PDB file of N, CA and C in Angstrom:
ATOM      1  N   MET A   1     135.746 227.191 -94.532  1.00  0.00           N
ATOM      2  CA  MET A   1     136.125 226.872 -93.172  1.00  0.00           C
ATOM      3  C   MET A   1     135.251 227.669 -92.210  1.00  0.00           C
ATOM      4  N   ASN A   2     134.841 227.005 -91.135  1.00  0.00           N
ATOM      5  CA  ASN A   2     133.966 227.627 -90.156  1.00  0.00           C
ATOM      6  C   ASN A   2     134.818 228.198 -89.020  1.00  0.00           C
ATOM      7  N   THR A   3     134.939 229.524 -88.933  1.00  0.00           N
ATOM      8  CA  THR A   3     135.775 230.156 -87.907  1.00  0.00           C
ATOM      9  C   THR A   3     135.139 230.105 -86.534  1.00  0.00           C
ATOM     10  N   GLU A   4     133.845 229.813 -86.449  1.00  0.00           N
ATOM     11  CA  GLU A   4     133.183 229.703 -85.151  1.00  0.00           C
ATOM     12  C   GLU A   4     133.779 228.553 -84.333  1.00  0.00           C
ATOM     13  N   ASN A   5     134.221 227.495 -85.018  1.00  0.00           N
ATOM     14  CA  ASN A   5     134.770 226.335 -84.327  1.00  0.00           C
ATOM     15  C   ASN A   5     136.141 226.619 -83.724  1.00  0.00           C
ATOM     16  N   LEU A   6     136.792 227.674 -84.152  1.00  0.00           N
ATOM     17  CA  LEU A   6     138.130 227.966 -83.661  1.00  0.00           C
ATOM     18  C   LEU A   6     138.144 228.870 -82.441  1.00  0.00           C
ATOM     19  N   LYS A   7     136.993 229.399 -82.061  1.00  0.00           N
ATOM     20  CA  LYS A   7     136.939 230.299 -80.917  1.00  0.00           C
ATOM     21  C   LYS A   7     137.209 229.534 -79.627  1.00  0.00           C
ATOM     22  N   LYS A   8     138.066 230.102 -78.780  1.00  0.00           N
ATOM     23  CA  LYS A   8     138.383 229.476 -77.506  1.00  0.00           C
ATOM     24  C   LYS A   8     137.228 229.679 -76.533  1.00  0.00           C
ATOM     25  N   GLY A   9     137.057 228.708 -75.655  1.00  0.00           N
ATOM     26  CA  GLY A   9     136.044 228.826 -74.622  1.00  0.00           C
ATOM     27  C   GLY A   9     134.661 228.381 -75.042  1.00  0.00           C
ATOM     28  N   ASN A  10     134.494 227.963 -76.279  1.00  0.00           N
ATOM     29  CA  ASN A  10     133.199 227.470 -76.728  1.00  0.00           C
ATOM     30  C   ASN A  10     133.038 226.024 -76.254  1.00  0.00           C
ATOM     31  N   PRO A  11     132.139 225.762 -75.300  1.00  0.00           N
ATOM     32  CA  PRO A  11     132.016 224.410 -74.754  1.00  0.00           C
ATOM     33  C   PRO A  11     131.631 223.373 -75.799  1.00  0.00           C
ATOM     34  N   ASP A  12     131.037 223.805 -76.902  1.00  0.00           N
ATOM     35  CA  ASP A  12     130.651 222.845 -77.930  1.00  0.00           C
ATOM     36  C   ASP A  12     131.864 222.294 -78.669  1.00  0.00           C
ATOM     37  N   THR A  13     132.977 223.003 -78.637  1.00  0.00           N
ATOM     38  CA  THR A  13     134.142 222.570 -79.410  1.00  0.00           C
ATOM     39  C   THR A  13     135.383 222.354 -78.557  1.00  0.00           C
ATOM     40  N   GLN A  14     135.260 222.424 -77.240  1.00  0.00           N
ATOM     41  CA  GLN A  14     136.431 222.239 -76.386  1.00  0.00           C
ATOM     42  C   GLN A  14     136.975 220.819 -76.474  1.00  0.00           C
ATOM     43  N   PHE A  15     136.119 219.855 -76.641  1.00  0.00           N
ATOM     44  CA  PHE A  15     136.535 218.468 -76.669  1.00  0.00           C
ATOM     45  C   PHE A  15     136.129 217.864 -78.001  1.00  0.00           C
ATOM     46  N   LYS A  16     136.956 216.964 -78.518  1.00  0.00           N
ATOM     47  CA  LYS A  16     136.658 216.370 -79.817  1.00  0.00           C
ATOM     48  C   LYS A  16     135.394 215.527 -79.763  1.00  0.00           C
ATOM     49  N   LYS A  17     135.224 214.796 -78.677  1.00  0.00           N
ATOM     50  CA  LYS A  17     134.030 213.959 -78.540  1.00  0.00           C
ATOM     51  C   LYS A  17     133.293 214.392 -77.284  1.00  0.00           C
ATOM     52  N   GLY A  18     132.063 214.643 -77.401  1.00  0.00           N
ATOM     53  CA  GLY A  18     131.270 214.957 -76.227  1.00  0.00           C
ATOM     54  C   GLY A  18     130.862 216.407 -76.142  1.00  0.00           C
ATOM     55  N   GLY A  19     131.763 217.328 -76.420  1.00  0.00           N
ATOM     56  CA  GLY A  19     131.438 218.743 -76.404  1.00  0.00           C
ATOM     57  C   GLY A  19     130.831 219.209 -75.106  1.00  0.00           C
ATOM     58  N   ARG A  20     129.693 219.837 -75.207  1.00  0.00           N
ATOM     59  CA  ARG A  20     129.017 220.415 -74.049  1.00  0.00           C
ATOM     60  C   ARG A  20     128.675 219.352 -73.012  1.00  0.00           C
ATOM     61  N   SER A  21     128.295 218.154 -73.444  1.00  0.00           N
ATOM     62  CA  SER A  21     127.933 217.113 -72.477  1.00  0.00           C
ATOM     63  C   SER A  21     129.139 216.708 -71.636  1.00  0.00           C
ATOM     64  N   ALA A  22     130.337 216.716 -72.222  1.00  0.00           N
ATOM     65  CA  ALA A  22     131.541 216.388 -71.454  1.00  0.00           C
ATOM     66  C   ALA A  22     131.822 217.471 -70.421  1.00  0.00           C
ATOM     67  N   VAL A  23     131.612 218.719 -70.780  1.00  0.00           N
ATOM     68  CA  VAL A  23     131.811 219.822 -69.844  1.00  0.00           C
ATOM     69  C   VAL A  23     130.833 219.710 -68.684  1.00  0.00           C
ATOM     70  N   GLU A  24     129.580 219.435 -69.004  1.00  0.00           N
ATOM     71  CA  GLU A  24     128.555 219.323 -67.966  1.00  0.00           C
ATOM     72  C   GLU A  24     128.817 218.122 -67.062  1.00  0.00           C
ATOM     73  N   ALA A  25     129.250 217.005 -67.649  1.00  0.00           N
ATOM     74  CA  ALA A  25     129.542 215.813 -66.853  1.00  0.00           C
ATOM     75  C   ALA A  25     130.727 216.084 -65.924  1.00  0.00           C
ATOM     76  N   GLY A  26     131.733 216.785 -66.409  1.00  0.00           N
ATOM     77  CA  GLY A  26     132.878 217.137 -65.578  1.00  0.00           C
ATOM     78  C   GLY A  26     132.490 218.048 -64.432  1.00  0.00           C
ATOM     79  N   ARG A  27     131.604 218.981 -64.713  1.00  0.00           N
ATOM     80  CA  ARG A  27     131.128 219.900 -63.674  1.00  0.00           C
ATOM     81  C   ARG A  27     130.366 219.126 -62.597  1.00  0.00           C
ATOM     82  N   LYS A  28     129.491 218.203 -63.027  1.00  0.00           N
ATOM     83  CA  LYS A  28     128.728 217.394 -62.068  1.00  0.00           C
ATOM     84  C   LYS A  28     129.669 216.543 -61.219  1.00  0.00           C
ATOM     85  N   GLY A  29     130.684 215.973 -61.863  1.00  0.00           N
ATOM     86  CA  GLY A  29     131.647 215.151 -61.136  1.00  0.00           C
ATOM     87  C   GLY A  29     132.405 215.956 -60.101  1.00  0.00           C
ATOM     88  N   GLY A  30     132.769 217.179 -60.440  1.00  0.00           N
ATOM     89  CA  GLY A  30     133.473 218.046 -59.495  1.00  0.00           C
ATOM     90  C   GLY A  30     132.614 218.388 -58.298  1.00  0.00           C
ATOM     91  N   LYS A  31     131.342 218.666 -58.541  1.00  0.00           N
ATOM     92  CA  LYS A  31     130.430 218.990 -57.442  1.00  0.00           C
ATOM     93  C   LYS A  31     130.211 217.771 -56.547  1.00  0.00           C
ATOM     94  N   ALA A  32     130.039 216.602 -57.157  1.00  0.00           N
ATOM     95  CA  ALA A  32     129.835 215.379 -56.380  1.00  0.00           C
ATOM     96  C   ALA A  32     131.075 215.065 -55.548  1.00  0.00           C
ATOM     97  N   SER A  33     132.251 215.296 -56.102  1.00  0.00           N
ATOM     98  CA  SER A  33     133.498 215.057 -55.378  1.00  0.00           C
ATOM     99  C   SER A  33     133.602 215.984 -54.169  1.00  0.00           C
ATOM    100  N   ALA A  34     133.231 217.233 -54.335  1.00  0.00           N
ATOM    101  CA  ALA A  34     133.270 218.190 -53.219  1.00  0.00           C
ATOM    102  C   ALA A  34     132.299 217.783 -52.117  1.00  0.00           C
ATOM    103  N   ILE A  35     131.113 217.337 -52.495  1.00  0.00           N
ATOM    104  CA  ILE A  35     130.126 216.894 -51.506  1.00  0.00           C
ATOM    105  C   ILE A  35     130.667 215.689 -50.737  1.00  0.00           C
ATOM    106  N   SER A  36     131.264 214.751 -51.458  1.00  0.00           N
ATOM    107  CA  SER A  36     131.814 213.562 -50.821  1.00  0.00           C
ATOM    108  C   SER A  36     132.940 213.919 -49.860  1.00  0.00           C
ATOM    109  N   ARG A  37     133.844 214.800 -50.274  1.00  0.00           N
ATOM    110  CA  ARG A  37     134.945 215.216 -49.399  1.00  0.00           C
ATOM    111  C   ARG A  37     134.413 215.901 -48.141  1.00  0.00           C
ATOM    112  N   ASN A  38     133.431 216.770 -48.304  1.00  0.00           N
ATOM    113  CA  ASN A  38     132.852 217.462 -47.155  1.00  0.00           C
ATOM    114  C   ASN A  38     132.174 216.482 -46.198  1.00  0.00           C
ATOM    115  N   PHE A  39     131.479 215.494 -46.763  1.00  0.00           N
ATOM    116  CA  PHE A  39     130.811 214.497 -45.933  1.00  0.00           C
ATOM    117  C   PHE A  39     131.825 213.698 -45.120  1.00  0.00           C
ATOM    118  N   VAL A  40     132.870 213.232 -45.772  1.00  0.00           N
ATOM    119  CA  VAL A  40     133.894 212.445 -45.081  1.00  0.00           C
ATOM    120  C   VAL A  40     134.566 213.279 -43.999  1.00  0.00           C
ATOM    121  N   SER A  41     134.855 214.538 -44.308  1.00  0.00           N
ATOM    122  CA  SER A  41     135.484 215.426 -43.331  1.00  0.00           C
ATOM    123  C   SER A  41     134.582 215.623 -42.111  1.00  0.00           C
ATOM    124  N   ALA A  42     133.303 215.874 -42.340  1.00  0.00           N
ATOM    125  CA  ALA A  42     132.363 216.066 -41.233  1.00  0.00           C
ATOM    126  C   ALA A  42     132.212 214.787 -40.413  1.00  0.00           C
ATOM    127  N   LEU A  43     132.191 213.646 -41.089  1.00  0.00           N
ATOM    128  CA  LEU A  43     132.066 212.371 -40.390  1.00  0.00           C
ATOM    129  C   LEU A  43     133.286 212.117 -39.509  1.00  0.00           C
ATOM    130  N   LYS A  44     134.473 212.367 -40.034  1.00  0.00           N
ATOM    131  CA  LYS A  44     135.691 212.182 -39.244  1.00  0.00           C
ATOM    132  C   LYS A  44     135.687 213.078 -38.020  1.00  0.00           C
ATOM    133  N   LYS A  45     135.271 214.329 -38.196  1.00  0.00           N
ATOM    134  CA  LYS A  45     135.225 215.264 -37.069  1.00  0.00           C
ATOM    135  C   LYS A  45     134.230 214.783 -36.014  1.00  0.00           C
ATOM    136  N   ARG A  46     133.080 214.317 -36.464  1.00  0.00           N
ATOM    137  CA  ARG A  46     132.048 213.860 -35.527  1.00  0.00           C
ATOM    138  C   ARG A  46     132.507 212.625 -34.763  1.00  0.00           C
ATOM    139  N   LEU A  47     133.173 211.711 -35.467  1.00  0.00           N
ATOM    140  CA  LEU A  47     133.655 210.501 -34.800  1.00  0.00           C
ATOM    141  C   LEU A  47     134.781 210.818 -33.823  1.00  0.00           C
ATOM    142  N   LYS A  48     135.595 211.804 -34.168  1.00  0.00           N
ATOM    143  CA  LYS A  48     136.691 212.196 -33.284  1.00  0.00           C
ATOM    144  C   LYS A  48     136.133 212.845 -32.013  1.00  0.00           C
ATOM    145  N   ASP A  49     135.066 213.616 -32.161  1.00  0.00           N
ATOM    146  CA  ASP A  49     134.458 214.292 -31.014  1.00  0.00           C
ATOM    147  C   ASP A  49     133.636 213.352 -30.144  1.00  0.00           C
ATOM    148  N   ASN A  50     133.133 212.255 -30.719  1.00  0.00           N
ATOM    149  CA  ASN A  50     132.272 211.312 -29.988  1.00  0.00           C
ATOM    150  C   ASN A  50     132.840 209.895 -30.073  1.00  0.00           C
ATOM    151  N   PRO A  51     133.748 209.525 -29.188  1.00  0.00           N
ATOM    152  CA  PRO A  51     134.331 208.180 -29.248  1.00  0.00           C
ATOM    153  C   PRO A  51     133.301 207.071 -29.026  1.00  0.00           C
ATOM    154  N   GLU A  52     132.201 207.391 -28.299  1.00  0.00           N
ATOM    155  CA  GLU A  52     131.173 206.378 -28.086  1.00  0.00           C
ATOM    156  C   GLU A  52     130.540 205.960 -29.406  1.00  0.00           C
ATOM    157  N   THR A  53     130.342 206.918 -30.291  1.00  0.00           N
ATOM    158  CA  THR A  53     129.765 206.614 -31.608  1.00  0.00           C
ATOM    159  C   THR A  53     130.700 205.704 -32.389  1.00  0.00           C
ATOM    160  N   MET A  54     131.992 205.993 -32.318  1.00  0.00           N
ATOM    161  CA  MET A  54     132.980 205.161 -33.017  1.00  0.00           C
ATOM    162  C   MET A  54     132.954 203.739 -32.459  1.00  0.00           C
ATOM    163  N   ASP A  55     132.822 203.596 -31.136  1.00  0.00           N
ATOM    164  CA  ASP A  55     132.750 202.269 -30.530  1.00  0.00           C
ATOM    165  C   ASP A  55     131.525 201.506 -31.016  1.00  0.00           C
ATOM    166  N   LYS A  56     130.392 202.208 -31.140  1.00  0.00           N
ATOM    167  CA  LYS A  56     129.169 201.562 -31.634  1.00  0.00           C
ATOM    168  C   LYS A  56     129.344 201.095 -33.079  1.00  0.00           C
ATOM    169  N   ILE A  57     129.986 201.936 -33.878  1.00  0.00           N
ATOM    170  CA  ILE A  57     130.212 201.573 -35.284  1.00  0.00           C
ATOM    171  C   ILE A  57     131.117 200.356 -35.378  1.00  0.00           C
ATOM    172  N   ILE A  58     132.181 200.337 -34.578  1.00  0.00           N
ATOM    173  CA  ILE A  58     133.108 199.203 -34.604  1.00  0.00           C
ATOM    174  C   ILE A  58     132.400 197.930 -34.146  1.00  0.00           C
ATOM    175  N   ASP A  59     131.582 198.030 -33.107  1.00  0.00           N
ATOM    176  CA  ASP A  59     130.824 196.861 -32.649  1.00  0.00           C
ATOM    177  C   ASP A  59     129.905 196.334 -33.751  1.00  0.00           C
ATOM    178  N   SER A  60     129.251 197.258 -34.451  1.00  0.00           N
ATOM    179  CA  SER A  60     128.365 196.874 -35.547  1.00  0.00           C
ATOM    180  C   SER A  60     129.157 196.203 -36.675  1.00  0.00           C
ATOM    181  N   LEU A  61     130.320 196.758 -37.006  1.00  0.00           N
ATOM    182  CA  LEU A  61     131.151 196.176 -38.058  1.00  0.00           C
ATOM    183  C   LEU A  61     131.644 194.782 -37.670  1.00  0.00           C
ATOM    184  N   VAL A  62     132.008 194.616 -36.404  1.00  0.00           N
ATOM    185  CA  VAL A  62     132.476 193.306 -35.935  1.00  0.00           C
ATOM    186  C   VAL A  62     131.361 192.274 -36.062  1.00  0.00           C
ATOM    187  N   SER A  63     130.142 192.633 -35.655  1.00  0.00           N
ATOM    188  CA  SER A  63     129.033 191.673 -35.761  1.00  0.00           C
ATOM    189  C   SER A  63     128.724 191.355 -37.223  1.00  0.00           C
ATOM    190  N   GLN A  64     128.814 192.352 -38.105  1.00  0.00           N
ATOM    191  CA  GLN A  64     128.589 192.093 -39.531  1.00  0.00           C
ATOM    192  C   GLN A  64     129.695 191.207 -40.093  1.00  0.00           C
ATOM    193  N   ALA A  65     130.938 191.454 -39.663  1.00  0.00           N
ATOM    194  CA  ALA A  65     132.063 190.645 -40.139  1.00  0.00           C
ATOM    195  C   ALA A  65     131.928 189.196 -39.670  1.00  0.00           C
ATOM    196  N   GLU A  66     131.450 189.015 -38.461  1.00  0.00           N
ATOM    197  CA  GLU A  66     131.242 187.660 -37.946  1.00  0.00           C
ATOM    198  C   GLU A  66     130.175 186.917 -38.740  1.00  0.00           C
ATOM    199  N   ASN A  67     129.245 187.658 -39.340  1.00  0.00           N
ATOM    200  CA  ASN A  67     128.200 187.046 -40.166  1.00  0.00           C
ATOM    201  C   ASN A  67     128.633 186.858 -41.611  1.00  0.00           C
ATOM    202  N   GLY A  68     129.890 187.190 -41.908  1.00  0.00           N
ATOM    203  CA  GLY A  68     130.432 186.933 -43.243  1.00  0.00           C
ATOM    204  C   GLY A  68     130.411 188.106 -44.197  1.00  0.00           C
ATOM    205  N   ASP A  69     130.183 189.306 -43.706  1.00  0.00           N
ATOM    206  CA  ASP A  69     130.165 190.480 -44.580  1.00  0.00           C
ATOM    207  C   ASP A  69     131.611 190.913 -44.881  1.00  0.00           C
ATOM    208  N   ILE A  70     132.042 190.697 -46.109  1.00  0.00           N
ATOM    209  CA  ILE A  70     133.423 190.994 -46.511  1.00  0.00           C
ATOM    210  C   ILE A  70     133.710 192.495 -46.453  1.00  0.00           C
ATOM    211  N   LYS A  71     132.745 193.311 -46.823  1.00  0.00           N
ATOM    212  CA  LYS A  71     132.942 194.774 -46.775  1.00  0.00           C
ATOM    213  C   LYS A  71     133.217 195.240 -45.347  1.00  0.00           C
ATOM    214  N   ALA A  72     132.536 194.635 -44.387  1.00  0.00           N
ATOM    215  CA  ALA A  72     132.753 194.991 -42.984  1.00  0.00           C
ATOM    216  C   ALA A  72     134.168 194.603 -42.554  1.00  0.00           C
ATOM    217  N   VAL A  73     134.637 193.439 -43.023  1.00  0.00           N
ATOM    218  CA  VAL A  73     135.999 193.009 -42.709  1.00  0.00           C
ATOM    219  C   VAL A  73     137.010 193.996 -43.287  1.00  0.00           C
ATOM    220  N   GLU A  74     136.814 194.378 -44.548  1.00  0.00           N
ATOM    221  CA  GLU A  74     137.725 195.330 -45.183  1.00  0.00           C
ATOM    222  C   GLU A  74     137.733 196.669 -44.444  1.00  0.00           C
ATOM    223  N   CYS A  75     136.567 197.105 -44.011  1.00  0.00           N
ATOM    224  CA  CYS A  75     136.465 198.372 -43.284  1.00  0.00           C
ATOM    225  C   CYS A  75     137.199 198.289 -41.949  1.00  0.00           C
ATOM    226  N   LEU A  76     137.066 197.166 -41.247  1.00  0.00           N
ATOM    227  CA  LEU A  76     137.770 196.988 -39.981  1.00  0.00           C
ATOM    228  C   LEU A  76     139.283 196.971 -40.186  1.00  0.00           C
ATOM    229  N   ILE A  77     139.719 196.302 -41.241  1.00  0.00           N
ATOM    230  CA  ILE A  77     141.155 196.268 -41.540  1.00  0.00           C
ATOM    231  C   ILE A  77     141.658 197.672 -41.826  1.00  0.00           C
ATOM    232  N   ASP A  78     140.880 198.427 -42.593  1.00  0.00           N
ATOM    233  CA  ASP A  78     141.277 199.793 -42.924  1.00  0.00           C
ATOM    234  C   ASP A  78     141.290 200.682 -41.678  1.00  0.00           C
ATOM    235  N   LEU A  79     140.303 200.518 -40.807  1.00  0.00           N
ATOM    236  CA  LEU A  79     140.263 201.295 -39.568  1.00  0.00           C
ATOM    237  C   LEU A  79     141.452 200.965 -38.673  1.00  0.00           C
ATOM    238  N   ASN A  80     141.903 199.731 -38.751  1.00  0.00           N
ATOM    239  CA  ASN A  80     143.041 199.301 -37.950  1.00  0.00           C
ATOM    240  C   ASN A  80     144.356 199.820 -38.534  1.00  0.00           C
ATOM    241  N   GLY A  81     144.301 200.371 -39.749  1.00  0.00           N
ATOM    242  CA  GLY A  81     145.492 200.943 -40.376  1.00  0.00           C
ATOM    243  C   GLY A  81     146.368 199.920 -41.050  1.00  0.00           C
ATOM    244  N   GLU A  82     145.799 198.796 -41.426  1.00  0.00           N
ATOM    245  CA  GLU A  82     146.588 197.741 -42.030  1.00  0.00           C
ATOM    246  C   GLU A  82     146.088 197.370 -43.423  1.00  0.00           C
ATOM    247  N   SER A  83     145.598 198.321 -44.158  1.00  0.00           N
ATOM    248  CA  SER A  83     145.096 197.995 -45.488  1.00  0.00           C
ATOM    249  C   SER A  83     146.258 197.696 -46.428  1.00  0.00           C
ATOM    250  N   VAL A  84     145.969 196.991 -47.486  1.00  0.00           N
ATOM    251  CA  VAL A  84     146.989 196.597 -48.451  1.00  0.00           C
ATOM    252  C   VAL A  84     147.652 197.821 -49.067  1.00  0.00           C
ATOM    253  N   GLN A  85     146.871 198.841 -49.380  1.00  0.00           N
ATOM    254  CA  GLN A  85     147.431 200.037 -49.990  1.00  0.00           C
ATOM    255  C   GLN A  85     148.422 200.709 -49.060  1.00  0.00           C
ATOM    256  N   ARG A  86     148.082 200.804 -47.781  1.00  0.00           N
ATOM    257  CA  ARG A  86     148.985 201.441 -46.828  1.00  0.00           C
ATOM    258  C   ARG A  86     150.262 200.637 -46.667  1.00  0.00           C
ATOM    259  N   GLU A  87     150.134 199.319 -46.635  1.00  0.00           N
ATOM    260  CA  GLU A  87     151.314 198.473 -46.485  1.00  0.00           C
ATOM    261  C   GLU A  87     152.231 198.609 -47.697  1.00  0.00           C
ATOM    262  N   SER A  88     151.644 198.651 -48.894  1.00  0.00           N
ATOM    263  CA  SER A  88     152.477 198.790 -50.089  1.00  0.00           C
ATOM    264  C   SER A  88     153.143 200.169 -50.125  1.00  0.00           C
ATOM    265  N   LEU A  89     152.450 201.199 -49.646  1.00  0.00           N
ATOM    266  CA  LEU A  89     153.075 202.520 -49.565  1.00  0.00           C
ATOM    267  C   LEU A  89     154.231 202.534 -48.581  1.00  0.00           C
ATOM    268  N   LYS A  90     154.079 201.842 -47.470  1.00  0.00           N
ATOM    269  CA  LYS A  90     155.170 201.759 -46.495  1.00  0.00           C
ATOM    270  C   LYS A  90     156.389 201.092 -47.116  1.00  0.00           C
ATOM    271  N   ILE A  91     156.166 200.007 -47.844  1.00  0.00           N
ATOM    272  CA  ILE A  91     157.272 199.283 -48.474  1.00  0.00           C
ATOM    273  C   ILE A  91     157.954 200.163 -49.508  1.00  0.00           C
ATOM    274  N   LYS A  92     157.172 200.852 -50.337  1.00  0.00           N
ATOM    275  CA  LYS A  92     157.765 201.740 -51.345  1.00  0.00           C
ATOM    276  C   LYS A  92     158.550 202.862 -50.697  1.00  0.00           C
ATOM    277  N   SER A  93     158.049 203.380 -49.591  1.00  0.00           N
ATOM    278  CA  SER A  93     158.752 204.439 -48.874  1.00  0.00           C
ATOM    279  C   SER A  93     160.085 203.931 -48.347  1.00  0.00           C
ATOM    280  N   LYS A  94     160.096 202.727 -47.784  1.00  0.00           N
ATOM    281  CA  LYS A  94     161.343 202.149 -47.287  1.00  0.00           C
ATOM    282  C   LYS A  94     162.332 201.918 -48.425  1.00  0.00           C
ATOM    283  N   GLU A  95     161.824 201.426 -49.553  1.00  0.00           N
ATOM    284  CA  GLU A  95     162.699 201.203 -50.707  1.00  0.00           C
ATOM    285  C   GLU A  95     163.342 202.505 -51.163  1.00  0.00           C
ATOM    286  N   LEU A  96     162.555 203.577 -51.202  1.00  0.00           N
ATOM    287  CA  LEU A  96     163.068 204.870 -51.632  1.00  0.00           C
ATOM    288  C   LEU A  96     164.157 205.364 -50.678  1.00  0.00           C
ATOM    289  N   LYS A  97     163.913 205.243 -49.381  1.00  0.00           N
ATOM    290  CA  LYS A  97     164.920 205.675 -48.397  1.00  0.00           C
ATOM    291  C   LYS A  97     166.206 204.878 -48.549  1.00  0.00           C
ATOM    292  N   LEU A  98     166.062 203.570 -48.776  1.00  0.00           N
ATOM    293  CA  LEU A  98     167.248 202.739 -48.942  1.00  0.00           C
ATOM    294  C   LEU A  98     168.003 203.081 -50.221  1.00  0.00           C
ATOM    295  N   LYS A  99     167.282 203.393 -51.281  1.00  0.00           N
ATOM    296  CA  LYS A  99     167.939 203.786 -52.527  1.00  0.00           C
ATOM    297  C   LYS A  99     168.690 205.089 -52.344  1.00  0.00           C
ATOM    298  N   GLU A 100     168.071 206.050 -51.633  1.00  0.00           N
ATOM    299  CA  GLU A 100     168.750 207.316 -51.377  1.00  0.00           C
ATOM    300  C   GLU A 100     170.007 207.098 -50.546  1.00  0.00           C
ATOM    301  N   LYS A 101     169.914 206.221 -49.555  1.00  0.00           N
ATOM    302  CA  LYS A 101     171.067 205.920 -48.716  1.00  0.00           C
ATOM    303  C   LYS A 101     172.168 205.263 -49.542  1.00  0.00           C
ATOM    304  N   ALA A 102     171.770 204.356 -50.431  1.00  0.00           N
ATOM    305  CA  ALA A 102     172.746 203.675 -51.278  1.00  0.00           C
ATOM    306  C   ALA A 102     173.431 204.648 -52.223  1.00  0.00           C
ATOM    307  N   LEU A 103     172.706 205.643 -52.699  1.00  0.00           N
ATOM    308  CA  LEU A 103     173.306 206.631 -53.595  1.00  0.00           C
ATOM    309  C   LEU A 103     174.271 207.554 -52.854  1.00  0.00           C
ATOM    310  N   GLN A 104     173.995 207.822 -51.601  1.00  0.00           N
ATOM    311  CA  GLN A 104     174.863 208.703 -50.811  1.00  0.00           C
ATOM    312  C   GLN A 104     176.167 208.010 -50.442  1.00  0.00           C
ATOM    313  N   ASN A 105     176.103 206.732 -50.196  1.00  0.00           N
ATOM    314  CA  ASN A 105     177.302 205.982 -49.806  1.00  0.00           C
ATOM    315  C   ASN A 105     177.919 205.347 -51.041  1.00  0.00           C
ATOM    316  N   THR A 106     179.204 205.468 -51.179  1.00  0.00           N
ATOM    317  CA  THR A 106     179.871 204.956 -52.376  1.00  0.00           C
ATOM    318  C   THR A 106     180.791 203.793 -52.071  1.00  0.00           C
ATOM    319  N   GLY A 107     180.808 203.280 -50.852  1.00  0.00           N
ATOM    320  CA  GLY A 107     181.684 202.179 -50.480  1.00  0.00           C
ATOM    321  C   GLY A 107     181.291 200.893 -51.181  1.00  0.00           C
ATOM    322  N   PRO A 108     182.178 199.876 -51.148  1.00  0.00           N
ATOM    323  CA  PRO A 108     181.894 198.614 -51.853  1.00  0.00           C
ATOM    324  C   PRO A 108     180.690 197.867 -51.283  1.00  0.00           C
ATOM    325  N   GLU A 109     180.390 198.057 -49.984  1.00  0.00           N
ATOM    326  CA  GLU A 109     179.237 197.350 -49.412  1.00  0.00           C
ATOM    327  C   GLU A 109     177.915 197.896 -49.929  1.00  0.00           C
ATOM    328  N   PHE A 110     177.917 199.072 -50.560  1.00  0.00           N
ATOM    329  CA  PHE A 110     176.693 199.666 -51.092  1.00  0.00           C
ATOM    330  C   PHE A 110     176.617 199.578 -52.609  1.00  0.00           C
ATOM    331  N   SER A 111     177.482 198.795 -53.216  1.00  0.00           N
ATOM    332  CA  SER A 111     177.505 198.754 -54.674  1.00  0.00           C
ATOM    333  C   SER A 111     176.287 198.040 -55.252  1.00  0.00           C
ATOM    334  N   LYS A 112     175.728 197.088 -54.519  1.00  0.00           N
ATOM    335  CA  LYS A 112     174.535 196.385 -54.988  1.00  0.00           C
ATOM    336  C   LYS A 112     173.383 196.787 -54.091  1.00  0.00           C
ATOM    337  N   GLU A 113     172.408 197.435 -54.658  1.00  0.00           N
ATOM    338  CA  GLU A 113     171.330 197.936 -53.803  1.00  0.00           C
ATOM    339  C   GLU A 113     170.210 196.929 -53.592  1.00  0.00           C
ATOM    340  N   GLU A 114     169.992 195.975 -54.493  1.00  0.00           N
ATOM    341  CA  GLU A 114     168.886 195.028 -54.321  1.00  0.00           C
ATOM    342  C   GLU A 114     169.042 194.181 -53.065  1.00  0.00           C
ATOM    343  N   PRO A 115     170.211 193.569 -52.801  1.00  0.00           N
ATOM    344  CA  PRO A 115     170.321 192.807 -51.552  1.00  0.00           C
ATOM    345  C   PRO A 115     170.084 193.683 -50.328  1.00  0.00           C
ATOM    346  N   LEU A 116     170.489 194.918 -50.385  1.00  0.00           N
ATOM    347  CA  LEU A 116     170.273 195.842 -49.275  1.00  0.00           C
ATOM    348  C   LEU A 116     168.774 196.034 -49.036  1.00  0.00           C
ATOM    349  N   LEU A 117     168.003 196.186 -50.121  1.00  0.00           N
ATOM    350  CA  LEU A 117     166.559 196.349 -50.000  1.00  0.00           C
ATOM    351  C   LEU A 117     165.909 195.107 -49.411  1.00  0.00           C
ATOM    352  N   TYR A 118     166.288 193.941 -49.932  1.00  0.00           N
ATOM    353  CA  TYR A 118     165.687 192.705 -49.445  1.00  0.00           C
ATOM    354  C   TYR A 118     166.017 192.470 -47.972  1.00  0.00           C
ATOM    355  N   ASN A 119     167.256 192.712 -47.596  1.00  0.00           N
ATOM    356  CA  ASN A 119     167.647 192.515 -46.194  1.00  0.00           C
ATOM    357  C   ASN A 119     166.856 193.440 -45.281  1.00  0.00           C
ATOM    358  N   ALA A 120     166.689 194.684 -45.668  1.00  0.00           N
ATOM    359  CA  ALA A 120     165.949 195.634 -44.837  1.00  0.00           C
ATOM    360  C   ALA A 120     164.480 195.244 -44.719  1.00  0.00           C
ATOM    361  N   LEU A 121     163.900 194.776 -45.812  1.00  0.00           N
ATOM    362  CA  LEU A 121     162.497 194.379 -45.770  1.00  0.00           C
ATOM    363  C   LEU A 121     162.316 193.114 -44.931  1.00  0.00           C
ATOM    364  N   GLU A 122     163.266 192.184 -45.014  1.00  0.00           N
ATOM    365  CA  GLU A 122     163.172 190.977 -44.201  1.00  0.00           C
ATOM    366  C   GLU A 122     163.308 191.308 -42.723  1.00  0.00           C
ATOM    367  N   ARG A 123     164.220 192.228 -42.368  1.00  0.00           N
ATOM    368  CA  ARG A 123     164.404 192.620 -40.984  1.00  0.00           C
ATOM    369  C   ARG A 123     163.117 193.250 -40.437  1.00  0.00           C
ATOM    370  N   ASP A 124     162.446 194.012 -41.267  1.00  0.00           N
ATOM    371  CA  ASP A 124     161.245 194.720 -40.811  1.00  0.00           C
ATOM    372  C   ASP A 124     160.065 193.772 -40.636  1.00  0.00           C
ATOM    373  N   ASP A 125     160.019 192.675 -41.397  1.00  0.00           N
ATOM    374  CA  ASP A 125     158.912 191.724 -41.308  1.00  0.00           C
ATOM    375  C   ASP A 125     158.968 190.897 -40.034  1.00  0.00           C
ATOM    376  N   SER A 126     160.141 190.654 -39.519  1.00  0.00           N
ATOM    377  CA  SER A 126     160.247 189.793 -38.343  1.00  0.00           C
ATOM    378  C   SER A 126     160.040 190.511 -37.047  1.00  0.00           C
TER     379      SER A 126
END
């Protein structure tokens, strides 16, 4: 038996497949993620400080969207705060609040929680 393989912290044996290359790839991914986060943060700060720049970007996105650029349309929808992910999070949040309310109330009108959820979601859509 090779006791060298049992030593902790040896990058060659930390992972069953990949070894050192997996460690290096993870390190590169972490650095790239940090760069991306910093870039987005700096961009948000710059756009917040310069509303004229944001207006120019929106105008450019609108013209691209009018020419059929789907990515520009998605970006405009996201900037407007109406992306699918955000909407689904809002719905899940409402469902959770309604479930908590249903658990707190023990009366007969709260015995079935699904109709309560559907009614609340329908009221919010109109």
